[in-house]
Each structure stands twice: as C-alpha cells, then as structure tokens.
Amino acid sequence: MIREATPEDIPVILAMIGELAAYERVPEAARATETQLGDALFGPQPAVFALLAEADGVPVGFALWFRNFSTWTGTHGIYLEDLYVRPGARGGGHGKALLAALAKICTDRGYERFEWSVLDWNEPSIGFYRSIGARPMDEWTVFRLTGEELHDLAGTAEVNGA
C-alpha cells in the first residue's frame, strides 16, 4: 500500500533516510533532524512531500519529492530526492509502486517530467529504472556548491529587492 506521509511518520522517514545514507556509503551525511523534516514536510509552506510504502501496516519504504519547473515546457515536474525500500522488502514491488504513484501525480497534475539521480555504481537501481522505461540523461552533469564554496560565492552577491 502507498500512502501520503503524516507528521507521525517523521521518525520512521528519518530512520530510513539514515539507512539510505548508509547504503550510499555516506552515513555521516544524513544530518537532518525531526524538526527540520517536519517543517519541510508539514510546515506552513511545505517544500517537500513524502509517500510511504507499507506491508501489513509497517512502513517498508518511502519516496521524498519536490516540484521543479521546466522553462522549456512551461510546466512543473517532480524531482525525486530519495527513493528507498528496506532490504527485507526489496523485490516486493514497493519501489515500483512508489514510482507509479509519483508518475500518477505527474499525469493528474499536468506535470511533464519526473526526474531523479542515481549513483553511477548503483547497478541494481540503474537496472530497475531502465526496466520501467526510465532513460539516463548521460549528456548532463550534476554540479553542487556546499560549505565554504557556497558561502564564498554568496558573499559576492549584490541583490536588490530580494
């Protein structure tokens, strides 16, 4: 069963985020708190959304996503930040059900794109994504600014009216 997350799900979502970080070999990178996650998901202006996959009433996976926008199509889309299914539940169709639910949100709302990133070494996930018809965007490279470099660049900003 797939359902929308509720505030009561924050601890289990946070636990699965930690499990995902460990799977991706960077457990120390998962620093979000329950308060941060709660504010992002359920605050006055939610910025992210989450679905949970359950088996026999027990959460076994989640998808956390946010809206993006394409200037080319003039429509919103979904960017899937995290998709995770606990090891004991893998192969049970939960990941595909989560992706199908997000695809349905896209089509119901007129969104034209559903995108996500996957680590190059994660062959099981890459194979799974290809099996549902997803195509890699090999011609694109993700760039990221964090830490000192982010702050250095921000220090050069001159913004009027923002």
Protein backbone atom coordinates (compact mmCIF):
# COMPACT_ATOMS: atom_id res chain seq x y z
CA MET A 1 0.00 0.00 0.00
CA ILE A 2 1.18 3.51 -0.83
CA ARG A 3 0.00 6.47 1.21
CA GLU A 4 0.90 10.08 1.89
CA ALA A 5 3.14 10.64 4.89
CA THR A 6 1.74 12.17 8.07
CA PRO A 7 3.55 14.05 10.86
CA GLU A 8 3.56 10.80 12.86
CA ASP A 9 5.75 9.24 10.15
CA ILE A 10 8.64 11.67 10.64
CA PRO A 11 10.70 9.35 12.91
CA VAL A 12 10.43 6.37 10.53
CA ILE A 13 11.20 8.53 7.48
CA LEU A 14 14.23 9.95 9.26
CA ALA A 15 15.36 6.43 10.17
CA MET A 16 15.04 5.31 6.53
CA ILE A 17 16.98 8.41 5.40
CA GLY A 18 19.78 7.21 7.67
CA GLU A 19 19.55 3.71 6.22
CA LEU A 20 19.71 5.16 2.70
CA ALA A 21 22.77 7.22 3.60
CA ALA A 22 24.48 4.09 4.94
CA TYR A 23 23.57 2.18 1.76
CA GLU A 24 25.05 5.02 -0.30
CA ARG A 25 28.24 4.78 1.81
CA VAL A 26 27.93 8.20 3.46
CA PRO A 27 26.15 7.64 6.79
CA GLU A 28 27.65 10.82 8.25
CA ALA A 29 25.93 12.90 5.55
CA ALA A 30 22.43 12.29 6.96
CA ARG A 31 22.22 15.17 9.44
CA ALA A 32 18.57 16.23 9.11
CA THR A 33 16.61 16.46 12.33
CA GLU A 34 12.99 15.56 13.04
CA THR A 35 12.23 19.28 13.42
CA GLN A 36 13.77 20.13 10.04
CA LEU A 37 11.99 17.29 8.29
CA GLY A 38 8.70 18.15 9.98
CA ASP A 39 8.96 21.79 8.96
CA ALA A 40 9.84 20.90 5.37
CA LEU A 41 7.02 18.34 5.03
CA PHE A 42 4.28 19.81 7.20
CA GLY A 43 5.15 23.44 7.97
CA PRO A 44 3.09 26.45 6.83
CA GLN A 45 4.56 26.23 3.31
CA PRO A 46 5.61 22.61 2.69
CA ALA A 47 8.58 22.44 0.34
CA VAL A 48 8.81 18.66 0.05
CA PHE A 49 6.35 15.79 0.07
CA ALA A 50 6.60 12.14 1.01
CA LEU A 51 4.87 8.88 0.23
CA LEU A 52 5.25 5.72 2.29
CA ALA A 53 5.10 2.12 1.16
CA GLU A 54 3.65 -0.25 3.74
CA ALA A 55 3.47 -4.01 4.04
CA ASP A 56 0.98 -5.30 6.60
CA GLY A 57 0.76 -1.79 8.09
CA VAL A 58 4.53 -1.50 8.58
CA PRO A 59 6.49 1.18 6.65
CA VAL A 60 8.98 -0.54 4.35
CA GLY A 61 9.93 2.30 2.03
CA PHE A 62 9.47 5.93 1.18
CA ALA A 63 9.75 8.46 -1.62
CA LEU A 64 10.55 12.10 -0.85
CA TRP A 65 9.99 14.59 -3.66
CA PHE A 66 9.51 18.23 -4.56
CA ARG A 67 8.18 20.18 -7.51
CA ASN A 68 10.56 21.54 -10.09
CA PHE A 69 9.85 23.63 -13.18
CA SER A 70 10.84 23.38 -16.83
CA THR A 71 11.23 26.66 -18.66
CA TRP A 72 11.16 24.66 -21.90
CA THR A 73 7.77 23.06 -21.34
CA GLY A 74 6.36 25.77 -19.08
CA THR A 75 5.17 23.12 -16.62
CA HIS A 76 6.09 21.81 -13.23
CA GLY A 77 7.54 18.36 -12.74
CA ILE A 78 8.60 16.13 -9.90
CA TYR A 79 12.15 15.73 -8.70
CA LEU A 80 12.53 12.58 -6.63
CA GLU A 81 15.08 13.35 -3.93
CA ASP A 82 15.03 9.95 -2.23
CA LEU A 83 13.57 6.55 -3.01
CA TYR A 84 14.30 3.82 -0.51
CA VAL A 85 12.94 0.37 0.22
CA ARG A 86 14.25 -1.52 3.22
CA PRO A 87 16.37 -4.57 2.30
CA GLY A 88 13.89 -7.16 3.60
CA ALA A 89 11.12 -5.71 1.43
CA ARG A 90 13.08 -5.33 -1.80
CA GLY A 91 11.72 -7.27 -4.74
CA GLY A 92 8.17 -6.98 -3.37
CA GLY A 93 7.09 -4.26 -5.81
CA HIS A 94 7.24 -1.39 -3.31
CA GLY A 95 9.75 0.70 -5.25
CA LYS A 96 7.77 0.36 -8.46
CA ALA A 97 4.54 1.19 -6.60
CA LEU A 98 6.11 4.35 -5.19
CA LEU A 99 7.34 5.39 -8.64
CA ALA A 100 3.94 4.60 -10.18
CA ALA A 101 2.22 6.76 -7.54
CA LEU A 102 4.54 9.65 -8.35
CA ALA A 103 4.00 9.17 -12.09
CA LYS A 104 0.26 9.36 -11.41
CA ILE A 105 0.71 12.62 -9.51
CA CYS A 106 2.57 13.95 -12.56
CA THR A 107 -0.10 12.95 -15.04
CA ASP A 108 -3.00 14.04 -12.81
CA ARG A 109 -1.46 17.50 -12.34
CA GLY A 110 -0.22 18.03 -15.89
CA TYR A 111 3.45 17.77 -14.94
CA GLU A 112 5.56 16.73 -17.92
CA ARG A 113 8.74 15.49 -16.23
CA PHE A 114 9.64 13.08 -13.47
CA GLU A 115 13.36 13.09 -12.74
CA TRP A 116 15.87 11.77 -10.21
CA SER A 117 19.55 11.00 -9.82
CA VAL A 118 21.24 7.68 -9.15
CA LEU A 119 24.81 6.95 -8.16
CA ASP A 120 26.88 5.58 -11.05
CA TRP A 121 27.88 2.47 -9.06
CA ASN A 122 24.31 1.56 -8.08
CA GLU A 123 23.77 -1.03 -10.82
CA PRO A 124 20.75 -2.73 -9.20
CA SER A 125 18.85 0.57 -9.14
CA ILE A 126 20.00 1.56 -12.62
CA GLY A 127 18.75 -1.77 -13.97
CA PHE A 128 15.45 -1.34 -12.16
CA TYR A 129 14.96 2.20 -13.51
CA ARG A 130 15.72 1.06 -17.04
CA SER A 131 13.22 -1.80 -16.66
CA ILE A 132 10.38 0.68 -16.10
CA GLY A 133 11.36 2.75 -19.14
CA ALA A 134 13.44 5.49 -17.48
CA ARG A 135 16.33 6.78 -19.54
CA PRO A 136 19.62 8.16 -18.21
CA MET A 137 20.41 11.78 -19.03
CA ASP A 138 24.03 10.97 -19.84
CA GLU A 139 24.67 14.29 -21.51
CA TRP A 140 24.06 16.19 -18.25
CA THR A 141 26.43 16.53 -15.30
CA VAL A 142 25.18 17.49 -11.85
CA PHE A 143 27.03 20.36 -10.17
CA ARG A 144 26.82 21.22 -6.48
CA LEU A 145 28.02 24.02 -4.23
CA THR A 146 28.23 23.38 -0.49
CA GLY A 147 30.20 24.51 2.53
CA GLU A 148 32.90 27.12 2.17
CA GLU A 149 32.50 27.44 -1.61
CA LEU A 150 28.77 28.13 -1.24
CA HIS A 151 29.44 30.79 1.39
CA ASP A 152 32.26 32.33 -0.65
CA LEU A 153 30.03 32.74 -3.69
CA ALA A 154 27.13 34.04 -1.59
CA GLY A 155 29.48 36.70 -0.21
CA THR A 156 29.85 38.16 -3.71
CA ALA A 157 26.09 38.64 -4.23
CA GLU A 158 24.55 42.04 -4.80
CA VAL A 159 20.79 41.57 -4.91
CA ASN A 160 18.33 44.43 -4.96
CA GLY A 161 14.79 43.86 -3.76
CA ALA A 162 15.25 40.20 -2.84
